[in-house]
Amino acid sequence: MFQTVLSLPVIFFGHGSPMNGIEVNVFSLKWKELGRTLPKPNSILAVSAHWETDGIKLTGNKIQKTIHDFGGFPKKLYEQQYNPPGNLNLCERIQKLIPEAKIDNTWGLDHGTWTILKQMYPEQDIPVIQLSLSKRLSEGEHYNIGKILAPLRKEGVMIIGSGNIIHSFKEMEWTETAKPRSWAAQFNESVKDMILKKEHDKLINYKKLEYGLRASPTPEHYLPFLYVLGLQESTDKVTFFNDEVVMASFSMTSFILSS
């Protein structure tokens, strides 16, 4: 693999609605800006909330498929295609780091990945693969996989996690003007403070935090965040962006780890 002098940034994206993949709004405009200003990687490894599997899997497609894994949206969204090349060499490199990982050609890029990358890198010229969320693993084990993947940062690979730190359908409001619920605003600020203080143990055991289970009644949107935490180096600077709670109970809060 190509060796770089500096580690590439790692990014956690609050991805929110699939409509962010085609709309022009504050979130998508920031994604576009990142595509212009961040170092261009030779490949991207994405961990999305929307690919849960029995065991660890990697998308081994030569050309990645666009997965429209949602319902009830406008026709235009289902017509979108994002089909960058895959990277079998990167899959095999990850298998050396994680021997139990299996190559899988049935999936592709789900909306946790393509809606963001379509805005960041519309040319579709950067190879992309996804790493699945294994249902067999604990929160701590997901975090540790992030740590195992750390060498890739110096090999030209940009690693992204895509989910939402707060993801509660039960308490959402279907309006853009909905104010954050007080508990959601408090939890969002608390998590940001723990990120800055590198209190990873607390964040891994989020179910014990005040409002932790209320914020993430199911774990899949929180887990990609743990992979990004696992990749944090001691010299990394934390930069928050898209720091908003929308529809009362969904956090778009995102951050970059960069040396």
C-alpha atoms as a PDB file:
ATOM      1  CA  MET A   1       0.000   0.000   0.000  1.00  0.00           C
ATOM      2  CA  PHE A   2       1.054   3.575  -0.649  1.00  0.00           C
ATOM      3  CA  GLN A   3       2.639   5.165   2.428  1.00  0.00           C
ATOM      4  CA  THR A   4       2.024   8.816   3.290  1.00  0.00           C
ATOM      5  CA  VAL A   5       4.006  10.976   5.679  1.00  0.00           C
ATOM      6  CA  LEU A   6       0.950  12.263   7.513  1.00  0.00           C
ATOM      7  CA  SER A   7      -2.197  10.486   8.633  1.00  0.00           C
ATOM      8  CA  LEU A   8      -5.275  11.268   6.593  1.00  0.00           C
ATOM      9  CA  PRO A   9      -8.228  12.753   8.478  1.00  0.00           C
ATOM     10  CA  VAL A  10     -10.924  10.516   9.895  1.00  0.00           C
ATOM     11  CA  ILE A  11     -14.486  11.832   9.750  1.00  0.00           C
ATOM     12  CA  PHE A  12     -17.722  11.040  11.537  1.00  0.00           C
ATOM     13  CA  PHE A  13     -20.759  12.212   9.596  1.00  0.00           C
ATOM     14  CA  GLY A  14     -24.223  12.712  10.994  1.00  0.00           C
ATOM     15  CA  HIS A  15     -25.930  11.752   7.742  1.00  0.00           C
ATOM     16  CA  GLY A  16     -29.583  12.427   8.574  1.00  0.00           C
ATOM     17  CA  SER A  17     -32.191  12.218   5.833  1.00  0.00           C
ATOM     18  CA  PRO A  18     -31.345  10.568   2.494  1.00  0.00           C
ATOM     19  CA  MET A  19     -32.577  13.813   0.903  1.00  0.00           C
ATOM     20  CA  ASN A  20     -29.299  15.414   1.955  1.00  0.00           C
ATOM     21  CA  GLY A  21     -27.778  13.515  -0.967  1.00  0.00           C
ATOM     22  CA  ILE A  22     -29.625  15.672  -3.514  1.00  0.00           C
ATOM     23  CA  GLU A  23     -30.664  18.809  -1.653  1.00  0.00           C
ATOM     24  CA  VAL A  24     -28.674  22.000  -1.367  1.00  0.00           C
ATOM     25  CA  ASN A  25     -28.717  22.824   2.341  1.00  0.00           C
ATOM     26  CA  VAL A  26     -26.301  23.724   5.130  1.00  0.00           C
ATOM     27  CA  PHE A  27     -25.339  20.086   5.619  1.00  0.00           C
ATOM     28  CA  SER A  28     -24.711  19.169   1.974  1.00  0.00           C
ATOM     29  CA  LEU A  29     -22.881  22.444   1.336  1.00  0.00           C
ATOM     30  CA  LYS A  30     -20.474  21.568   4.134  1.00  0.00           C
ATOM     31  CA  TRP A  31     -19.921  18.126   2.631  1.00  0.00           C
ATOM     32  CA  LYS A  32     -19.097  19.779  -0.708  1.00  0.00           C
ATOM     33  CA  GLU A  33     -16.667  22.109   1.032  1.00  0.00           C
ATOM     34  CA  LEU A  34     -14.884  19.185   2.686  1.00  0.00           C
ATOM     35  CA  GLY A  35     -14.458  17.522  -0.688  1.00  0.00           C
ATOM     36  CA  ARG A  36     -12.736  20.653  -1.956  1.00  0.00           C
ATOM     37  CA  THR A  37     -10.540  21.364   1.066  1.00  0.00           C
ATOM     38  CA  LEU A  38      -9.473  18.025   2.585  1.00  0.00           C
ATOM     39  CA  PRO A  39      -6.519  16.047   1.219  1.00  0.00           C
ATOM     40  CA  LYS A  40      -7.767  13.806  -1.570  1.00  0.00           C
ATOM     41  CA  PRO A  41      -7.451  10.146  -0.563  1.00  0.00           C
ATOM     42  CA  ASN A  42      -6.506   7.300  -2.866  1.00  0.00           C
ATOM     43  CA  SER A  43      -9.411   5.256  -1.417  1.00  0.00           C
ATOM     44  CA  ILE A  44     -12.262   5.626   1.065  1.00  0.00           C
ATOM     45  CA  LEU A  45     -13.356   3.100   3.674  1.00  0.00           C
ATOM     46  CA  ALA A  46     -16.863   3.756   4.984  1.00  0.00           C
ATOM     47  CA  VAL A  47     -18.618   2.323   8.027  1.00  0.00           C
ATOM     48  CA  SER A  48     -22.336   2.992   7.678  1.00  0.00           C
ATOM     49  CA  ALA A  49     -25.210   2.510  10.094  1.00  0.00           C
ATOM     50  CA  HIS A  50     -27.166   0.841   7.305  1.00  0.00           C
ATOM     51  CA  TRP A  51     -25.189  -2.337   6.738  1.00  0.00           C
ATOM     52  CA  GLU A  52     -25.564  -4.771   9.631  1.00  0.00           C
ATOM     53  CA  THR A  53     -24.430  -8.343   9.062  1.00  0.00           C
ATOM     54  CA  ASP A  54     -23.737 -11.625  10.788  1.00  0.00           C
ATOM     55  CA  GLY A  55     -19.966 -11.253  10.983  1.00  0.00           C
ATOM     56  CA  ILE A  56     -17.656  -8.641   9.450  1.00  0.00           C
ATOM     57  CA  LYS A  57     -17.996  -8.095   5.708  1.00  0.00           C
ATOM     58  CA  LEU A  58     -16.393  -5.909   3.033  1.00  0.00           C
ATOM     59  CA  THR A  59     -17.902  -4.853  -0.280  1.00  0.00           C
ATOM     60  CA  GLY A  60     -15.759  -6.537  -2.894  1.00  0.00           C
ATOM     61  CA  ASN A  61     -17.526  -5.254  -6.017  1.00  0.00           C
ATOM     62  CA  LYS A  62     -15.393  -4.055  -8.928  1.00  0.00           C
ATOM     63  CA  ILE A  63     -17.895  -1.208  -9.399  1.00  0.00           C
ATOM     64  CA  GLN A  64     -19.994  -0.342  -6.366  1.00  0.00           C
ATOM     65  CA  LYS A  65     -23.780  -0.604  -6.561  1.00  0.00           C
ATOM     66  CA  THR A  66     -26.056   2.169  -5.305  1.00  0.00           C
ATOM     67  CA  ILE A  67     -28.358   0.865  -2.589  1.00  0.00           C
ATOM     68  CA  HIS A  68     -31.641   2.741  -2.174  1.00  0.00           C
ATOM     69  CA  ASP A  69     -32.369   1.445   1.320  1.00  0.00           C
ATOM     70  CA  PHE A  70     -35.291   3.703   2.253  1.00  0.00           C
ATOM     71  CA  GLY A  71     -38.949   4.257   1.446  1.00  0.00           C
ATOM     72  CA  GLY A  72     -41.438   7.056   0.955  1.00  0.00           C
ATOM     73  CA  PHE A  73     -39.152   9.583  -0.729  1.00  0.00           C
ATOM     74  CA  PRO A  74     -39.460  11.416  -4.076  1.00  0.00           C
ATOM     75  CA  LYS A  75     -38.775   9.551  -7.315  1.00  0.00           C
ATOM     76  CA  LYS A  76     -35.729  11.719  -7.964  1.00  0.00           C
ATOM     77  CA  LEU A  77     -33.946  10.200  -4.967  1.00  0.00           C
ATOM     78  CA  TYR A  78     -34.428   6.652  -6.262  1.00  0.00           C
ATOM     79  CA  GLU A  79     -33.027   7.687  -9.639  1.00  0.00           C
ATOM     80  CA  GLN A  80     -29.694   8.688  -8.121  1.00  0.00           C
ATOM     81  CA  GLN A  81     -26.667   6.569  -8.913  1.00  0.00           C
ATOM     82  CA  TYR A  82     -23.243   6.708  -7.295  1.00  0.00           C
ATOM     83  CA  ASN A  83     -21.011   4.001  -8.718  1.00  0.00           C
ATOM     84  CA  PRO A  84     -17.337   4.560  -7.943  1.00  0.00           C
ATOM     85  CA  PRO A  85     -14.851   1.731  -8.340  1.00  0.00           C
ATOM     86  CA  GLY A  86     -14.346  -0.685  -5.504  1.00  0.00           C
ATOM     87  CA  ASN A  87     -10.895  -1.687  -4.281  1.00  0.00           C
ATOM     88  CA  LEU A  88     -10.241  -5.393  -3.867  1.00  0.00           C
ATOM     89  CA  ASN A  89      -6.643  -4.681  -2.837  1.00  0.00           C
ATOM     90  CA  LEU A  90      -7.910  -2.607   0.066  1.00  0.00           C
ATOM     91  CA  CYS A  91     -10.338  -5.384   1.010  1.00  0.00           C
ATOM     92  CA  GLU A  92      -7.437  -7.831   1.100  1.00  0.00           C
ATOM     93  CA  ARG A  93      -5.317  -5.378   3.110  1.00  0.00           C
ATOM     94  CA  ILE A  94      -8.099  -5.110   5.690  1.00  0.00           C
ATOM     95  CA  GLN A  95      -8.362  -8.900   5.813  1.00  0.00           C
ATOM     96  CA  LYS A  96      -4.722  -8.963   6.921  1.00  0.00           C
ATOM     97  CA  LEU A  97      -5.654  -6.638   9.781  1.00  0.00           C
ATOM     98  CA  ILE A  98      -8.980  -8.387  10.491  1.00  0.00           C
ATOM     99  CA  PRO A  99      -8.654 -12.021   9.337  1.00  0.00           C
ATOM    100  CA  GLU A 100     -12.291 -12.842  10.107  1.00  0.00           C
ATOM    101  CA  ALA A 101     -13.564 -10.213   7.626  1.00  0.00           C
ATOM    102  CA  LYS A 102     -15.221 -11.744   4.543  1.00  0.00           C
ATOM    103  CA  ILE A 103     -15.579 -10.228   1.083  1.00  0.00           C
ATOM    104  CA  ASP A 104     -19.210  -9.767   0.044  1.00  0.00           C
ATOM    105  CA  ASN A 105     -20.577  -8.846  -3.393  1.00  0.00           C
ATOM    106  CA  THR A 106     -24.274  -8.649  -2.490  1.00  0.00           C
ATOM    107  CA  TRP A 107     -24.195  -5.125  -1.009  1.00  0.00           C
ATOM    108  CA  GLY A 108     -22.826  -1.848  -2.331  1.00  0.00           C
ATOM    109  CA  LEU A 109     -22.975   1.713  -1.054  1.00  0.00           C
ATOM    110  CA  ASP A 110     -26.072   2.433   1.034  1.00  0.00           C
ATOM    111  CA  HIS A 111     -27.416   5.899   1.720  1.00  0.00           C
ATOM    112  CA  GLY A 112     -25.217   6.306   4.787  1.00  0.00           C
ATOM    113  CA  THR A 113     -22.300   6.405   2.347  1.00  0.00           C
ATOM    114  CA  TRP A 114     -23.376   7.505  -1.113  1.00  0.00           C
ATOM    115  CA  THR A 115     -25.488  10.512  -0.091  1.00  0.00           C
ATOM    116  CA  ILE A 116     -22.391  12.028   1.526  1.00  0.00           C
ATOM    117  CA  LEU A 117     -19.838  11.047  -1.107  1.00  0.00           C
ATOM    118  CA  LYS A 118     -22.073  12.164  -3.972  1.00  0.00           C
ATOM    119  CA  GLN A 119     -21.824  15.658  -2.504  1.00  0.00           C
ATOM    120  CA  MET A 120     -18.123  15.457  -1.585  1.00  0.00           C
ATOM    121  CA  TYR A 121     -16.732  13.677  -4.641  1.00  0.00           C
ATOM    122  CA  PRO A 122     -19.305  13.851  -7.449  1.00  0.00           C
ATOM    123  CA  GLU A 123     -16.754  12.714 -10.048  1.00  0.00           C
ATOM    124  CA  GLN A 124     -16.957   9.157  -8.597  1.00  0.00           C
ATOM    125  CA  ASP A 125     -13.250   8.723  -9.256  1.00  0.00           C
ATOM    126  CA  ILE A 126     -12.117   7.626  -5.784  1.00  0.00           C
ATOM    127  CA  PRO A 127     -12.418   3.893  -4.995  1.00  0.00           C
ATOM    128  CA  VAL A 128     -14.815   3.219  -2.098  1.00  0.00           C
ATOM    129  CA  ILE A 129     -15.554   0.157  -0.005  1.00  0.00           C
ATOM    130  CA  GLN A 130     -17.840  -0.386   2.963  1.00  0.00           C
ATOM    131  CA  LEU A 131     -17.139  -2.315   6.154  1.00  0.00           C
ATOM    132  CA  SER A 132     -20.217  -3.807   7.773  1.00  0.00           C
ATOM    133  CA  LEU A 133     -21.365  -3.625  11.376  1.00  0.00           C
ATOM    134  CA  SER A 134     -21.194  -7.150  12.773  1.00  0.00           C
ATOM    135  CA  LYS A 135     -24.148  -7.972  15.005  1.00  0.00           C
ATOM    136  CA  ARG A 136     -21.895 -10.371  16.932  1.00  0.00           C
ATOM    137  CA  LEU A 137     -19.752  -7.605  18.432  1.00  0.00           C
ATOM    138  CA  SER A 138     -20.071  -5.516  21.574  1.00  0.00           C
ATOM    139  CA  GLU A 139     -19.656  -1.749  21.582  1.00  0.00           C
ATOM    140  CA  GLY A 140     -16.103  -2.152  22.858  1.00  0.00           C
ATOM    141  CA  GLU A 141     -15.267  -4.617  20.093  1.00  0.00           C
ATOM    142  CA  HIS A 142     -16.552  -2.223  17.429  1.00  0.00           C
ATOM    143  CA  TYR A 143     -14.336   0.479  18.944  1.00  0.00           C
ATOM    144  CA  ASN A 144     -11.331  -1.865  18.901  1.00  0.00           C
ATOM    145  CA  ILE A 145     -11.803  -2.576  15.192  1.00  0.00           C
ATOM    146  CA  GLY A 146     -11.386   1.150  14.654  1.00  0.00           C
ATOM    147  CA  LYS A 147      -8.040   0.957  16.473  1.00  0.00           C
ATOM    148  CA  ILE A 148      -6.972  -2.011  14.344  1.00  0.00           C
ATOM    149  CA  LEU A 149      -7.686  -0.044  11.159  1.00  0.00           C
ATOM    150  CA  ALA A 150      -5.423   2.842  12.200  1.00  0.00           C
ATOM    151  CA  PRO A 151      -2.479   1.954   9.880  1.00  0.00           C
ATOM    152  CA  LEU A 152      -4.691   2.685   6.863  1.00  0.00           C
ATOM    153  CA  ARG A 153      -4.588   6.391   7.696  1.00  0.00           C
ATOM    154  CA  LYS A 154      -0.956   6.438   6.592  1.00  0.00           C
ATOM    155  CA  GLU A 155      -1.712   4.423   3.466  1.00  0.00           C
ATOM    156  CA  GLY A 156      -3.785   7.017   1.654  1.00  0.00           C
ATOM    157  CA  VAL A 157      -7.146   5.748   2.945  1.00  0.00           C
ATOM    158  CA  MET A 158      -9.754   8.136   4.295  1.00  0.00           C
ATOM    159  CA  ILE A 159     -11.945   6.356   6.850  1.00  0.00           C
ATOM    160  CA  ILE A 160     -15.424   7.681   7.514  1.00  0.00           C
ATOM    161  CA  GLY A 161     -18.141   6.663   9.937  1.00  0.00           C
ATOM    162  CA  SER A 162     -21.713   7.563   9.035  1.00  0.00           C
ATOM    163  CA  GLY A 163     -24.620   7.478  11.467  1.00  0.00           C
ATOM    164  CA  ASN A 164     -26.158   9.832  14.014  1.00  0.00           C
ATOM    165  CA  ILE A 165     -25.093  10.330  17.629  1.00  0.00           C
ATOM    166  CA  ILE A 166     -28.767  10.932  18.458  1.00  0.00           C
ATOM    167  CA  HIS A 167     -31.265   8.918  16.418  1.00  0.00           C
ATOM    168  CA  SER A 168     -34.695   8.617  18.019  1.00  0.00           C
ATOM    169  CA  PHE A 169     -37.655   8.120  15.678  1.00  0.00           C
ATOM    170  CA  LYS A 170     -39.979   7.820  18.656  1.00  0.00           C
ATOM    171  CA  GLU A 171     -39.423  11.434  19.680  1.00  0.00           C
ATOM    172  CA  MET A 172     -38.912  13.076  16.301  1.00  0.00           C
ATOM    173  CA  GLU A 173     -41.081  15.787  14.750  1.00  0.00           C
ATOM    174  CA  TRP A 174     -41.543  15.874  10.965  1.00  0.00           C
ATOM    175  CA  THR A 175     -40.813  19.552  10.548  1.00  0.00           C
ATOM    176  CA  GLU A 176     -37.669  21.487   9.740  1.00  0.00           C
ATOM    177  CA  THR A 177     -38.542  24.115  12.353  1.00  0.00           C
ATOM    178  CA  ALA A 178     -38.785  21.667  15.264  1.00  0.00           C
ATOM    179  CA  LYS A 179     -36.635  22.729  18.191  1.00  0.00           C
ATOM    180  CA  PRO A 180     -34.282  20.193  19.792  1.00  0.00           C
ATOM    181  CA  ARG A 181     -35.781  18.390  22.761  1.00  0.00           C
ATOM    182  CA  SER A 182     -34.041  19.572  25.885  1.00  0.00           C
ATOM    183  CA  TRP A 183     -32.593  16.154  26.677  1.00  0.00           C
ATOM    184  CA  ALA A 184     -31.260  15.843  23.098  1.00  0.00           C
ATOM    185  CA  ALA A 185     -29.523  19.213  23.221  1.00  0.00           C
ATOM    186  CA  GLN A 186     -28.010  18.287  26.595  1.00  0.00           C
ATOM    187  CA  PHE A 187     -26.824  14.876  25.393  1.00  0.00           C
ATOM    188  CA  ASN A 188     -25.320  16.360  22.238  1.00  0.00           C
ATOM    189  CA  GLU A 189     -23.262  18.843  24.246  1.00  0.00           C
ATOM    190  CA  SER A 190     -22.239  16.165  26.724  1.00  0.00           C
ATOM    191  CA  VAL A 191     -20.961  13.862  23.971  1.00  0.00           C
ATOM    192  CA  LYS A 192     -18.975  16.679  22.362  1.00  0.00           C
ATOM    193  CA  ASP A 193     -17.347  17.438  25.697  1.00  0.00           C
ATOM    194  CA  MET A 194     -16.388  13.782  26.160  1.00  0.00           C
ATOM    195  CA  ILE A 195     -14.921  13.663  22.641  1.00  0.00           C
ATOM    196  CA  LEU A 196     -12.716  16.656  23.413  1.00  0.00           C
ATOM    197  CA  LYS A 197     -11.642  15.110  26.716  1.00  0.00           C
ATOM    198  CA  LYS A 198     -10.993  11.736  25.027  1.00  0.00           C
ATOM    199  CA  GLU A 199     -13.304  10.001  27.508  1.00  0.00           C
ATOM    200  CA  HIS A 200     -13.698   7.031  25.224  1.00  0.00           C
ATOM    201  CA  ASP A 201     -14.681   4.530  27.915  1.00  0.00           C
ATOM    202  CA  LYS A 202     -17.719   6.622  28.790  1.00  0.00           C
ATOM    203  CA  LEU A 203     -18.692   6.937  25.134  1.00  0.00           C
ATOM    204  CA  ILE A 204     -18.275   3.202  24.510  1.00  0.00           C
ATOM    205  CA  ASN A 205     -20.581   2.534  27.466  1.00  0.00           C
ATOM    206  CA  TYR A 206     -23.107   5.123  26.276  1.00  0.00           C
ATOM    207  CA  LYS A 207     -26.043   3.094  27.569  1.00  0.00           C
ATOM    208  CA  LYS A 208     -24.961   4.054  31.086  1.00  0.00           C
ATOM    209  CA  LEU A 209     -24.895   7.773  30.260  1.00  0.00           C
ATOM    210  CA  GLU A 210     -27.789  10.019  31.130  1.00  0.00           C
ATOM    211  CA  TYR A 211     -30.106   9.978  28.083  1.00  0.00           C
ATOM    212  CA  GLY A 212     -27.836   7.464  26.319  1.00  0.00           C
ATOM    213  CA  LEU A 213     -30.544   4.909  25.561  1.00  0.00           C
ATOM    214  CA  ARG A 214     -33.065   7.642  24.884  1.00  0.00           C
ATOM    215  CA  ALA A 215     -30.691   9.085  22.290  1.00  0.00           C
ATOM    216  CA  SER A 216     -29.931   5.712  20.653  1.00  0.00           C
ATOM    217  CA  PRO A 217     -32.721   3.224  21.390  1.00  0.00           C
ATOM    218  CA  THR A 218     -31.038   0.917  18.865  1.00  0.00           C
ATOM    219  CA  PRO A 219     -27.255   0.944  18.422  1.00  0.00           C
ATOM    220  CA  GLU A 220     -26.675   0.916  14.648  1.00  0.00           C
ATOM    221  CA  HIS A 221     -26.491   4.703  14.144  1.00  0.00           C
ATOM    222  CA  TYR A 222     -24.188   5.147  17.140  1.00  0.00           C
ATOM    223  CA  LEU A 223     -21.719   2.367  16.330  1.00  0.00           C
ATOM    224  CA  PRO A 224     -19.957   4.068  13.368  1.00  0.00           C
ATOM    225  CA  PHE A 225     -19.090   6.857  15.814  1.00  0.00           C
ATOM    226  CA  LEU A 226     -17.168   4.324  17.936  1.00  0.00           C
ATOM    227  CA  TYR A 227     -15.036   3.266  14.948  1.00  0.00           C
ATOM    228  CA  VAL A 228     -13.994   6.895  14.464  1.00  0.00           C
ATOM    229  CA  LEU A 229     -13.158   7.252  18.162  1.00  0.00           C
ATOM    230  CA  GLY A 230     -11.014   4.127  17.939  1.00  0.00           C
ATOM    231  CA  LEU A 231      -9.023   5.767  15.151  1.00  0.00           C
ATOM    232  CA  GLN A 232      -8.215   8.881  17.170  1.00  0.00           C
ATOM    233  CA  GLU A 233      -4.504   9.560  17.581  1.00  0.00           C
ATOM    234  CA  SER A 234      -3.002  11.492  20.486  1.00  0.00           C
ATOM    235  CA  THR A 235      -2.013  14.349  18.175  1.00  0.00           C
ATOM    236  CA  ASP A 236      -5.381  14.658  16.436  1.00  0.00           C
ATOM    237  CA  LYS A 237      -7.272  17.914  16.518  1.00  0.00           C
ATOM    238  CA  VAL A 238     -11.067  17.684  16.754  1.00  0.00           C
ATOM    239  CA  THR A 239     -13.107  19.939  14.472  1.00  0.00           C
ATOM    240  CA  PHE A 240     -16.896  19.863  14.769  1.00  0.00           C
ATOM    241  CA  PHE A 241     -19.206  20.734  11.876  1.00  0.00           C
ATOM    242  CA  ASN A 242     -22.926  20.508  11.025  1.00  0.00           C
ATOM    243  CA  ASP A 243     -23.485  20.769  14.771  1.00  0.00           C
ATOM    244  CA  GLU A 244     -27.281  20.754  14.958  1.00  0.00           C
ATOM    245  CA  VAL A 245     -30.106  18.676  16.381  1.00  0.00           C
ATOM    246  CA  VAL A 246     -32.855  18.491  13.752  1.00  0.00           C
ATOM    247  CA  MET A 247     -36.447  17.248  13.833  1.00  0.00           C
ATOM    248  CA  ALA A 248     -36.275  17.413  17.638  1.00  0.00           C
ATOM    249  CA  SER A 249     -34.330  14.177  18.162  1.00  0.00           C
ATOM    250  CA  PHE A 250     -31.734  13.630  15.398  1.00  0.00           C
ATOM    251  CA  SER A 251     -28.202  14.948  15.737  1.00  0.00           C
ATOM    252  CA  MET A 252     -26.373  15.996  12.592  1.00  0.00           C
ATOM    253  CA  THR A 253     -23.295  16.745  14.722  1.00  0.00           C
ATOM    254  CA  SER A 254     -20.180  15.624  12.884  1.00  0.00           C
ATOM    255  CA  PHE A 255     -16.445  15.960  13.439  1.00  0.00           C
ATOM    256  CA  ILE A 256     -13.055  15.559  11.820  1.00  0.00           C
ATOM    257  CA  LEU A 257      -9.962  14.091  13.469  1.00  0.00           C
ATOM    258  CA  SER A 258      -6.850  15.479  11.836  1.00  0.00           C
ATOM    259  CA  SER A 259      -3.161  15.610  12.737  1.00  0.00           C
END
